[in-house]
Amino acid sequence: MILIIDSGSTKSDWLAVDSDGNKLMDKIRTKGLNPAILNEKKLTKRILKSKALKAHKEDVTHVFFYGAGCGTSKAKILLNSVLANVFVNALVEVNEDTLAAVYATINNPKEAAVVCILGTGSNCSYYDGETLHQRVISLGYTLMDDASGNYYGKQLIRDYYYNQMPENVKVAFGAKFNLEADFIKYNLYKQPSPNAYLANFAEFMFLQKDSEYTINLIKKGIRVFATNMIMQYKEELKTAPVHFAGSIAFFAQKEIKEVAEEMGFKVGNFVRRPIDGLVPFHTKSL
């Protein structure tokens, strides 16, 4: 059994396939496994909470994990150790989530492209057809993650509290979420994965796409992301398209294309969930 995992901070999708790429069970979903945020105990607990994974953990021969928070060697080593201790008979490979986005969005294995992730967090890399190049190491949701779910969640809450939302939007936002100050602070400072908590608010923008406020908010975040991340690759952008993966990118395609036209880069493909494109890649290489 081969396990292929695409993990963000909010959730992890697991596919179990055989060496021919045939699915052995339905897609499994666990909570997100971000080693930059969670310790060994919490990571292990989240994996073993799945009855299917626990039941088949000794049947697994290969684990290919792509995840948020896996951009540093320390985080990779931690998660590799956790996975190896759970799936004791498996060869384990841990990579950052950007590489999964590359394999899922490029049109052919040798295509050069700038590849962006806009999900719970955000990231951007350049793939030259063989190697992934990252000019900015992500420092996570507190300092970076522009145009991500947690970025937009933070902006929405701030605008609500600073009275910078139109009244009708503010009423709708207040009706959808518990916005009591103590409840927000409890989730931000007393609970694990505050970035995932913030990202939960981002869905609201796409339910309010008829509002000029939300459209402007979406585009503002994309402009910041493009300035800070995509424009790190000015030379490469002359010939390379910019592909996008993740739910925020998928639902903000119109706004991304408009910002791209403003800033002069070429938009390529959009993929909401990269995991399905990883199956043929890995089964062919075994």
C-alpha atoms as a PDB file:
ATOM      1  CA  MET A   1       0.000   0.000   0.000  1.00  0.00           C
ATOM      2  CA  ILE A   2       1.244   3.455  -0.995  1.00  0.00           C
ATOM      3  CA  LEU A   3       0.090   6.547   0.890  1.00  0.00           C
ATOM      4  CA  ILE A   4       0.157   9.940  -0.825  1.00  0.00           C
ATOM      5  CA  ILE A   5      -0.639  12.898   1.399  1.00  0.00           C
ATOM      6  CA  ASP A   6      -1.334  16.535   0.641  1.00  0.00           C
ATOM      7  CA  SER A   7      -1.451  18.439   3.906  1.00  0.00           C
ATOM      8  CA  GLY A   8      -2.195  21.995   4.862  1.00  0.00           C
ATOM      9  CA  SER A   9      -2.506  23.427   8.327  1.00  0.00           C
ATOM     10  CA  THR A  10      -6.271  22.912   8.338  1.00  0.00           C
ATOM     11  CA  LYS A  11      -6.630  19.433   6.848  1.00  0.00           C
ATOM     12  CA  SER A  12      -4.712  16.562   5.295  1.00  0.00           C
ATOM     13  CA  ASP A  13      -5.967  14.455   2.384  1.00  0.00           C
ATOM     14  CA  TRP A  14      -4.653  10.875   2.187  1.00  0.00           C
ATOM     15  CA  LEU A  15      -4.849   8.570  -0.825  1.00  0.00           C
ATOM     16  CA  ALA A  16      -4.103   4.867  -0.490  1.00  0.00           C
ATOM     17  CA  VAL A  17      -3.192   3.243  -3.809  1.00  0.00           C
ATOM     18  CA  ASP A  18      -1.420   0.169  -5.121  1.00  0.00           C
ATOM     19  CA  SER A  19       1.654   0.224  -7.370  1.00  0.00           C
ATOM     20  CA  ASP A  20      -0.580   0.614 -10.453  1.00  0.00           C
ATOM     21  CA  GLY A  21      -2.308   3.684  -9.026  1.00  0.00           C
ATOM     22  CA  ASN A  22      -5.584   1.917  -8.189  1.00  0.00           C
ATOM     23  CA  LYS A  23      -7.313   3.326  -5.127  1.00  0.00           C
ATOM     24  CA  LEU A  24      -7.486   0.847  -2.270  1.00  0.00           C
ATOM     25  CA  MET A  25      -9.953   2.833  -0.154  1.00  0.00           C
ATOM     26  CA  ASP A  26     -11.859   6.098  -0.158  1.00  0.00           C
ATOM     27  CA  LYS A  27      -9.914   9.293   0.387  1.00  0.00           C
ATOM     28  CA  ILE A  28      -9.043   9.739   4.051  1.00  0.00           C
ATOM     29  CA  ARG A  29      -9.111  13.146   5.708  1.00  0.00           C
ATOM     30  CA  THR A  30      -7.384  14.068   8.946  1.00  0.00           C
ATOM     31  CA  LYS A  31      -6.638  17.362  10.607  1.00  0.00           C
ATOM     32  CA  GLY A  32      -3.669  19.252   9.206  1.00  0.00           C
ATOM     33  CA  LEU A  33      -0.152  18.048   9.982  1.00  0.00           C
ATOM     34  CA  ASN A  34       2.042  21.149  10.071  1.00  0.00           C
ATOM     35  CA  PRO A  35       5.338  20.320  11.833  1.00  0.00           C
ATOM     36  CA  ALA A  36       6.156  24.010  12.168  1.00  0.00           C
ATOM     37  CA  ILE A  37       3.193  24.376  14.522  1.00  0.00           C
ATOM     38  CA  LEU A  38       2.497  20.955  16.064  1.00  0.00           C
ATOM     39  CA  ASN A  39       4.795  18.808  18.195  1.00  0.00           C
ATOM     40  CA  GLU A  40       5.490  15.096  17.773  1.00  0.00           C
ATOM     41  CA  LYS A  41       2.738  14.009  20.169  1.00  0.00           C
ATOM     42  CA  LYS A  42       0.025  16.067  18.474  1.00  0.00           C
ATOM     43  CA  LEU A  43       1.118  15.017  14.981  1.00  0.00           C
ATOM     44  CA  THR A  44       1.004  11.338  15.940  1.00  0.00           C
ATOM     45  CA  LYS A  45      -2.373  11.718  17.640  1.00  0.00           C
ATOM     46  CA  ARG A  46      -3.910  13.311  14.535  1.00  0.00           C
ATOM     47  CA  ILE A  47      -2.698  10.468  12.310  1.00  0.00           C
ATOM     48  CA  LEU A  48      -3.831   7.663  14.597  1.00  0.00           C
ATOM     49  CA  LYS A  49      -7.237   9.236  15.140  1.00  0.00           C
ATOM     50  CA  SER A  50      -8.089   7.847  11.683  1.00  0.00           C
ATOM     51  CA  LYS A  51      -9.367   4.302  12.142  1.00  0.00           C
ATOM     52  CA  ALA A  52      -8.423   3.397   8.559  1.00  0.00           C
ATOM     53  CA  LEU A  53      -4.836   4.576   8.920  1.00  0.00           C
ATOM     54  CA  LYS A  54      -4.473   2.887  12.282  1.00  0.00           C
ATOM     55  CA  ALA A  55      -5.869  -0.395  10.940  1.00  0.00           C
ATOM     56  CA  HIS A  56      -3.534  -0.507   7.915  1.00  0.00           C
ATOM     57  CA  LYS A  57      -0.402   1.147   9.301  1.00  0.00           C
ATOM     58  CA  GLU A  58       1.677  -2.032   8.994  1.00  0.00           C
ATOM     59  CA  ASP A  59       0.551  -2.624   5.381  1.00  0.00           C
ATOM     60  CA  VAL A  60       2.048   0.602   4.084  1.00  0.00           C
ATOM     61  CA  THR A  61       5.222   0.295   1.990  1.00  0.00           C
ATOM     62  CA  HIS A  62       5.697   3.906   0.856  1.00  0.00           C
ATOM     63  CA  VAL A  63       4.652   7.269   2.279  1.00  0.00           C
ATOM     64  CA  PHE A  64       4.914  10.378   0.084  1.00  0.00           C
ATOM     65  CA  PHE A  65       4.030  13.417   2.172  1.00  0.00           C
ATOM     66  CA  TYR A  66       3.693  16.998   0.909  1.00  0.00           C
ATOM     67  CA  GLY A  67       2.834  19.582   3.489  1.00  0.00           C
ATOM     68  CA  ALA A  68       2.673  23.112   4.776  1.00  0.00           C
ATOM     69  CA  GLY A  69       5.429  23.865   7.257  1.00  0.00           C
ATOM     70  CA  CYS A  70       7.855  21.407   5.635  1.00  0.00           C
ATOM     71  CA  GLY A  71      10.115  24.030   4.100  1.00  0.00           C
ATOM     72  CA  THR A  72      12.897  23.694   6.683  1.00  0.00           C
ATOM     73  CA  SER A  73      15.118  20.710   7.445  1.00  0.00           C
ATOM     74  CA  LYS A  74      14.132  20.632  11.128  1.00  0.00           C
ATOM     75  CA  ALA A  75      10.429  20.413  10.291  1.00  0.00           C
ATOM     76  CA  LYS A  76      11.031  17.714   7.662  1.00  0.00           C
ATOM     77  CA  ILE A  77      13.073  15.620  10.094  1.00  0.00           C
ATOM     78  CA  LEU A  78      10.355  15.878  12.764  1.00  0.00           C
ATOM     79  CA  LEU A  79       7.557  14.800  10.447  1.00  0.00           C
ATOM     80  CA  ASN A  80       9.662  12.080   8.819  1.00  0.00           C
ATOM     81  CA  SER A  81      10.302  10.635  12.276  1.00  0.00           C
ATOM     82  CA  VAL A  82       6.609  10.736  13.186  1.00  0.00           C
ATOM     83  CA  LEU A  83       5.544   9.016   9.958  1.00  0.00           C
ATOM     84  CA  ALA A  84       8.284   6.397  10.191  1.00  0.00           C
ATOM     85  CA  ASN A  85       7.246   5.559  13.756  1.00  0.00           C
ATOM     86  CA  VAL A  86       3.615   5.115  12.732  1.00  0.00           C
ATOM     87  CA  PHE A  87       4.174   3.302   9.414  1.00  0.00           C
ATOM     88  CA  VAL A  88       7.004   1.074  10.560  1.00  0.00           C
ATOM     89  CA  ASN A  89       7.378  -0.906   7.296  1.00  0.00           C
ATOM     90  CA  ALA A  90       7.356   2.077   4.966  1.00  0.00           C
ATOM     91  CA  LEU A  91       9.879   4.189   3.137  1.00  0.00           C
ATOM     92  CA  VAL A  92       9.005   7.796   4.008  1.00  0.00           C
ATOM     93  CA  GLU A  93       9.589  10.901   1.905  1.00  0.00           C
ATOM     94  CA  VAL A  94       8.603  14.368   3.155  1.00  0.00           C
ATOM     95  CA  ASN A  95       8.494  17.433   0.902  1.00  0.00           C
ATOM     96  CA  GLU A  96       7.084  20.928   1.154  1.00  0.00           C
ATOM     97  CA  ASP A  97       3.610  21.502  -0.225  1.00  0.00           C
ATOM     98  CA  THR A  98       4.885  23.684  -3.063  1.00  0.00           C
ATOM     99  CA  LEU A  99       6.374  20.643  -4.786  1.00  0.00           C
ATOM    100  CA  ALA A 100       2.980  18.938  -4.793  1.00  0.00           C
ATOM    101  CA  ALA A 101       1.501  22.055  -6.358  1.00  0.00           C
ATOM    102  CA  VAL A 102       4.202  21.962  -9.039  1.00  0.00           C
ATOM    103  CA  TYR A 103       3.529  18.358 -10.017  1.00  0.00           C
ATOM    104  CA  ALA A 104      -0.239  18.979 -10.072  1.00  0.00           C
ATOM    105  CA  THR A 105      -0.247  22.209 -12.110  1.00  0.00           C
ATOM    106  CA  ILE A 106       2.522  21.999 -14.739  1.00  0.00           C
ATOM    107  CA  ASN A 107       1.476  20.899 -18.217  1.00  0.00           C
ATOM    108  CA  ASN A 108       4.427  18.555 -18.681  1.00  0.00           C
ATOM    109  CA  PRO A 109       7.269  17.323 -16.427  1.00  0.00           C
ATOM    110  CA  LYS A 110       9.824  19.662 -18.016  1.00  0.00           C
ATOM    111  CA  GLU A 111       7.722  22.821 -18.026  1.00  0.00           C
ATOM    112  CA  ALA A 112       9.257  25.818 -16.286  1.00  0.00           C
ATOM    113  CA  ALA A 113       6.738  27.759 -14.204  1.00  0.00           C
ATOM    114  CA  VAL A 114       6.237  29.959 -11.191  1.00  0.00           C
ATOM    115  CA  VAL A 115       3.925  28.032  -8.874  1.00  0.00           C
ATOM    116  CA  CYS A 116       1.899  29.615  -6.081  1.00  0.00           C
ATOM    117  CA  ILE A 117      -0.117  28.169  -3.231  1.00  0.00           C
ATOM    118  CA  LEU A 118      -2.994  30.160  -1.788  1.00  0.00           C
ATOM    119  CA  GLY A 119      -4.717  28.021   0.820  1.00  0.00           C
ATOM    120  CA  THR A 120      -4.655  28.242   4.607  1.00  0.00           C
ATOM    121  CA  GLY A 121      -1.143  29.622   4.094  1.00  0.00           C
ATOM    122  CA  SER A 122       0.647  30.890   1.004  1.00  0.00           C
ATOM    123  CA  ASN A 123       3.904  30.290  -0.827  1.00  0.00           C
ATOM    124  CA  CYS A 124       5.562  30.784  -4.196  1.00  0.00           C
ATOM    125  CA  SER A 125       8.433  29.022  -5.976  1.00  0.00           C
ATOM    126  CA  TYR A 126      10.017  28.703  -9.396  1.00  0.00           C
ATOM    127  CA  TYR A 127      10.342  25.292 -11.034  1.00  0.00           C
ATOM    128  CA  ASP A 128      12.893  25.228 -13.857  1.00  0.00           C
ATOM    129  CA  GLY A 129      11.743  21.870 -15.242  1.00  0.00           C
ATOM    130  CA  GLU A 130      13.939  19.874 -12.880  1.00  0.00           C
ATOM    131  CA  THR A 131      14.575  21.774  -9.662  1.00  0.00           C
ATOM    132  CA  LEU A 132      12.465  23.869  -7.322  1.00  0.00           C
ATOM    133  CA  HIS A 133      13.871  27.288  -6.433  1.00  0.00           C
ATOM    134  CA  GLN A 134      12.564  29.275  -3.481  1.00  0.00           C
ATOM    135  CA  ARG A 135      13.796  32.832  -3.078  1.00  0.00           C
ATOM    136  CA  VAL A 136      11.823  33.588   0.084  1.00  0.00           C
ATOM    137  CA  ILE A 137      11.662  31.175   3.011  1.00  0.00           C
ATOM    138  CA  SER A 138       8.239  31.426   4.562  1.00  0.00           C
ATOM    139  CA  LEU A 139       8.180  32.573   8.177  1.00  0.00           C
ATOM    140  CA  GLY A 140       4.574  31.479   8.605  1.00  0.00           C
ATOM    141  CA  TYR A 141       1.280  33.138   9.292  1.00  0.00           C
ATOM    142  CA  THR A 142       2.434  35.705  11.849  1.00  0.00           C
ATOM    143  CA  LEU A 143       4.832  37.494   9.501  1.00  0.00           C
ATOM    144  CA  MET A 144       4.006  36.304   5.976  1.00  0.00           C
ATOM    145  CA  ASP A 145       1.267  34.226   4.257  1.00  0.00           C
ATOM    146  CA  ASP A 146      -0.075  37.143   2.211  1.00  0.00           C
ATOM    147  CA  ALA A 147      -3.366  36.423   0.372  1.00  0.00           C
ATOM    148  CA  SER A 148      -3.838  33.179   2.291  1.00  0.00           C
ATOM    149  CA  GLY A 149      -6.913  32.063   4.182  1.00  0.00           C
ATOM    150  CA  ASN A 150      -5.422  33.131   7.494  1.00  0.00           C
ATOM    151  CA  TYR A 151      -4.375  36.498   6.002  1.00  0.00           C
ATOM    152  CA  TYR A 152      -7.930  37.200   4.858  1.00  0.00           C
ATOM    153  CA  GLY A 153      -9.410  35.936   8.123  1.00  0.00           C
ATOM    154  CA  LYS A 154      -7.241  38.386  10.023  1.00  0.00           C
ATOM    155  CA  GLN A 155      -8.204  41.255   7.703  1.00  0.00           C
ATOM    156  CA  LEU A 156     -11.920  40.491   8.054  1.00  0.00           C
ATOM    157  CA  ILE A 157     -11.788  40.412  11.843  1.00  0.00           C
ATOM    158  CA  ARG A 158      -9.752  43.614  11.957  1.00  0.00           C
ATOM    159  CA  ASP A 159     -12.144  45.396   9.617  1.00  0.00           C
ATOM    160  CA  TYR A 160     -15.088  44.214  11.694  1.00  0.00           C
ATOM    161  CA  TYR A 161     -13.597  45.524  14.925  1.00  0.00           C
ATOM    162  CA  TYR A 162     -12.287  48.736  13.383  1.00  0.00           C
ATOM    163  CA  ASN A 163     -15.731  49.438  11.848  1.00  0.00           C
ATOM    164  CA  GLN A 164     -14.276  49.423   8.342  1.00  0.00           C
ATOM    165  CA  MET A 165     -16.872  47.050   6.854  1.00  0.00           C
ATOM    166  CA  PRO A 166     -20.026  48.277   5.117  1.00  0.00           C
ATOM    167  CA  GLU A 167     -22.921  47.880   7.545  1.00  0.00           C
ATOM    168  CA  ASN A 168     -24.678  45.118   5.586  1.00  0.00           C
ATOM    169  CA  VAL A 169     -21.441  43.101   5.338  1.00  0.00           C
ATOM    170  CA  LYS A 170     -20.745  43.631   9.031  1.00  0.00           C
ATOM    171  CA  VAL A 171     -24.197  42.358   9.979  1.00  0.00           C
ATOM    172  CA  ALA A 172     -23.769  39.259   7.787  1.00  0.00           C
ATOM    173  CA  PHE A 173     -20.276  38.604   9.173  1.00  0.00           C
ATOM    174  CA  GLY A 174     -21.488  38.941  12.757  1.00  0.00           C
ATOM    175  CA  ALA A 175     -24.379  36.572  12.096  1.00  0.00           C
ATOM    176  CA  LYS A 176     -22.117  33.865  10.655  1.00  0.00           C
ATOM    177  CA  PHE A 177     -19.353  33.765  13.289  1.00  0.00           C
ATOM    178  CA  ASN A 178     -18.871  34.057  17.021  1.00  0.00           C
ATOM    179  CA  LEU A 179     -17.003  37.354  17.174  1.00  0.00           C
ATOM    180  CA  GLU A 180     -16.895  37.843  20.926  1.00  0.00           C
ATOM    181  CA  ALA A 181     -13.451  39.153  21.837  1.00  0.00           C
ATOM    182  CA  ASP A 182     -12.804  36.499  24.483  1.00  0.00           C
ATOM    183  CA  PHE A 183     -13.756  33.693  22.104  1.00  0.00           C
ATOM    184  CA  ILE A 184     -11.457  35.006  19.352  1.00  0.00           C
ATOM    185  CA  LYS A 185      -8.541  35.446  21.751  1.00  0.00           C
ATOM    186  CA  TYR A 186      -9.104  31.984  23.200  1.00  0.00           C
ATOM    187  CA  ASN A 187      -8.811  30.430  19.733  1.00  0.00           C
ATOM    188  CA  LEU A 188      -5.801  32.545  18.782  1.00  0.00           C
ATOM    189  CA  TYR A 189      -3.784  32.135  21.977  1.00  0.00           C
ATOM    190  CA  LYS A 190      -5.061  29.045  23.793  1.00  0.00           C
ATOM    191  CA  GLN A 191      -5.801  26.594  20.986  1.00  0.00           C
ATOM    192  CA  PRO A 192      -3.532  24.792  18.477  1.00  0.00           C
ATOM    193  CA  SER A 193      -3.378  25.947  14.833  1.00  0.00           C
ATOM    194  CA  PRO A 194      -4.505  29.577  15.155  1.00  0.00           C
ATOM    195  CA  ASN A 195      -3.662  30.006  11.460  1.00  0.00           C
ATOM    196  CA  ALA A 196      -6.287  27.394  10.575  1.00  0.00           C
ATOM    197  CA  TYR A 197      -8.781  29.116  12.879  1.00  0.00           C
ATOM    198  CA  LEU A 198      -8.242  32.417  11.072  1.00  0.00           C
ATOM    199  CA  ALA A 199      -8.524  30.723   7.676  1.00  0.00           C
ATOM    200  CA  ASN A 200     -12.043  29.544   8.519  1.00  0.00           C
ATOM    201  CA  PHE A 201     -13.251  33.130   8.156  1.00  0.00           C
ATOM    202  CA  ALA A 202     -12.019  33.456   4.560  1.00  0.00           C
ATOM    203  CA  GLU A 203     -14.947  31.532   3.091  1.00  0.00           C
ATOM    204  CA  PHE A 204     -17.117  34.529   3.967  1.00  0.00           C
ATOM    205  CA  MET A 205     -15.502  36.604   1.204  1.00  0.00           C
ATOM    206  CA  PHE A 206     -16.671  34.209  -1.480  1.00  0.00           C
ATOM    207  CA  LEU A 207     -20.216  34.257  -0.105  1.00  0.00           C
ATOM    208  CA  GLN A 208     -20.166  38.040  -0.431  1.00  0.00           C
ATOM    209  CA  LYS A 209     -18.755  38.407  -3.946  1.00  0.00           C
ATOM    210  CA  ASP A 210     -21.491  40.894  -4.831  1.00  0.00           C
ATOM    211  CA  SER A 211     -19.918  43.368  -2.409  1.00  0.00           C
ATOM    212  CA  GLU A 212     -17.353  45.872  -3.648  1.00  0.00           C
ATOM    213  CA  TYR A 213     -15.765  45.669  -0.197  1.00  0.00           C
ATOM    214  CA  THR A 214     -14.939  41.953  -0.461  1.00  0.00           C
ATOM    215  CA  ILE A 215     -13.746  42.165  -4.070  1.00  0.00           C
ATOM    216  CA  ASN A 216     -11.391  44.989  -3.119  1.00  0.00           C
ATOM    217  CA  LEU A 217     -10.212  43.018  -0.081  1.00  0.00           C
ATOM    218  CA  ILE A 218      -9.421  39.963  -2.218  1.00  0.00           C
ATOM    219  CA  LYS A 219      -7.540  42.006  -4.806  1.00  0.00           C
ATOM    220  CA  LYS A 220      -5.607  43.942  -2.181  1.00  0.00           C
ATOM    221  CA  GLY A 221      -4.262  40.696  -0.705  1.00  0.00           C
ATOM    222  CA  ILE A 222      -3.348  39.325  -4.139  1.00  0.00           C
ATOM    223  CA  ARG A 223      -1.469  42.512  -4.988  1.00  0.00           C
ATOM    224  CA  VAL A 224       0.526  42.245  -1.755  1.00  0.00           C
ATOM    225  CA  PHE A 225       1.294  38.578  -2.457  1.00  0.00           C
ATOM    226  CA  ALA A 226       2.286  39.267  -6.051  1.00  0.00           C
ATOM    227  CA  THR A 227       4.542  42.158  -5.021  1.00  0.00           C
ATOM    228  CA  ASN A 228       6.273  40.244  -2.245  1.00  0.00           C
ATOM    229  CA  MET A 229       6.416  36.759  -3.756  1.00  0.00           C
ATOM    230  CA  ILE A 230       5.662  36.473  -7.479  1.00  0.00           C
ATOM    231  CA  MET A 231       7.818  39.478  -8.375  1.00  0.00           C
ATOM    232  CA  GLN A 232      10.832  37.738  -6.838  1.00  0.00           C
ATOM    233  CA  TYR A 233      10.990  36.001 -10.236  1.00  0.00           C
ATOM    234  CA  LYS A 234      10.879  38.995 -12.594  1.00  0.00           C
ATOM    235  CA  GLU A 235      13.295  37.470 -15.112  1.00  0.00           C
ATOM    236  CA  GLU A 236      11.587  34.086 -15.101  1.00  0.00           C
ATOM    237  CA  LEU A 237       8.181  35.725 -15.574  1.00  0.00           C
ATOM    238  CA  LYS A 238       9.234  36.901 -19.021  1.00  0.00           C
ATOM    239  CA  THR A 239       8.763  33.345 -20.305  1.00  0.00           C
ATOM    240  CA  ALA A 240       7.161  31.315 -17.508  1.00  0.00           C
ATOM    241  CA  PRO A 241       3.452  31.166 -16.650  1.00  0.00           C
ATOM    242  CA  VAL A 242       2.238  31.474 -13.069  1.00  0.00           C
ATOM    243  CA  HIS A 243       0.205  28.474 -11.873  1.00  0.00           C
ATOM    244  CA  PHE A 244      -1.936  28.458  -8.728  1.00  0.00           C
ATOM    245  CA  ALA A 245      -3.030  25.769  -6.288  1.00  0.00           C
ATOM    246  CA  GLY A 246      -5.275  25.913  -3.233  1.00  0.00           C
ATOM    247  CA  SER A 247      -8.851  26.851  -2.389  1.00  0.00           C
ATOM    248  CA  ILE A 248      -8.303  30.593  -2.048  1.00  0.00           C
ATOM    249  CA  ALA A 249      -6.676  30.734  -5.490  1.00  0.00           C
ATOM    250  CA  PHE A 250      -9.354  28.514  -7.021  1.00  0.00           C
ATOM    251  CA  PHE A 251     -12.228  30.737  -5.848  1.00  0.00           C
ATOM    252  CA  ALA A 252     -10.360  33.991  -6.566  1.00  0.00           C
ATOM    253  CA  GLN A 253      -9.446  33.199 -10.190  1.00  0.00           C
ATOM    254  CA  LYS A 254     -11.165  36.279 -11.599  1.00  0.00           C
ATOM    255  CA  GLU A 255      -9.429  38.628  -9.175  1.00  0.00           C
ATOM    256  CA  ILE A 256      -6.043  36.933  -9.698  1.00  0.00           C
ATOM    257  CA  LYS A 257      -6.344  37.350 -13.474  1.00  0.00           C
ATOM    258  CA  GLU A 258      -7.227  41.013 -13.057  1.00  0.00           C
ATOM    259  CA  VAL A 259      -4.224  41.642 -10.800  1.00  0.00           C
ATOM    260  CA  ALA A 260      -1.995  39.693 -13.201  1.00  0.00           C
ATOM    261  CA  GLU A 261      -3.042  41.985 -16.023  1.00  0.00           C
ATOM    262  CA  GLU A 262      -2.289  45.018 -13.856  1.00  0.00           C
ATOM    263  CA  MET A 263       1.152  43.725 -12.873  1.00  0.00           C
ATOM    264  CA  GLY A 264       2.164  42.103 -16.135  1.00  0.00           C
ATOM    265  CA  PHE A 265       2.463  38.386 -15.480  1.00  0.00           C
ATOM    266  CA  LYS A 266       0.816  35.489 -17.321  1.00  0.00           C
ATOM    267  CA  VAL A 267      -1.607  33.283 -15.407  1.00  0.00           C
ATOM    268  CA  GLY A 268      -1.550  29.558 -16.153  1.00  0.00           C
ATOM    269  CA  ASN A 269      -3.497  26.754 -14.464  1.00  0.00           C
ATOM    270  CA  PHE A 270      -5.626  26.636 -11.315  1.00  0.00           C
ATOM    271  CA  VAL A 271      -5.916  23.475  -9.211  1.00  0.00           C
ATOM    272  CA  ARG A 272      -7.986  23.392  -6.048  1.00  0.00           C
ATOM    273  CA  ARG A 273      -6.591  20.130  -4.628  1.00  0.00           C
ATOM    274  CA  PRO A 274      -3.184  18.987  -5.908  1.00  0.00           C
ATOM    275  CA  ILE A 275      -3.343  15.467  -4.503  1.00  0.00           C
ATOM    276  CA  ASP A 276      -5.035  13.723  -7.452  1.00  0.00           C
ATOM    277  CA  GLY A 277      -2.236  14.760  -9.786  1.00  0.00           C
ATOM    278  CA  LEU A 278       0.350  13.128  -7.521  1.00  0.00           C
ATOM    279  CA  VAL A 279      -0.831   9.530  -8.022  1.00  0.00           C
ATOM    280  CA  PRO A 280       0.489   8.964 -11.571  1.00  0.00           C
ATOM    281  CA  PHE A 281       3.697  10.804 -10.746  1.00  0.00           C
ATOM    282  CA  HIS A 282       4.582   8.481  -7.879  1.00  0.00           C
ATOM    283  CA  THR A 283       3.301   5.168  -9.207  1.00  0.00           C
ATOM    284  CA  LYS A 284       5.243   5.593 -12.462  1.00  0.00           C
ATOM    285  CA  SER A 285       8.480   6.092 -10.534  1.00  0.00           C
ATOM    286  CA  LEU A 286       8.215   2.934  -8.403  1.00  0.00           C
END
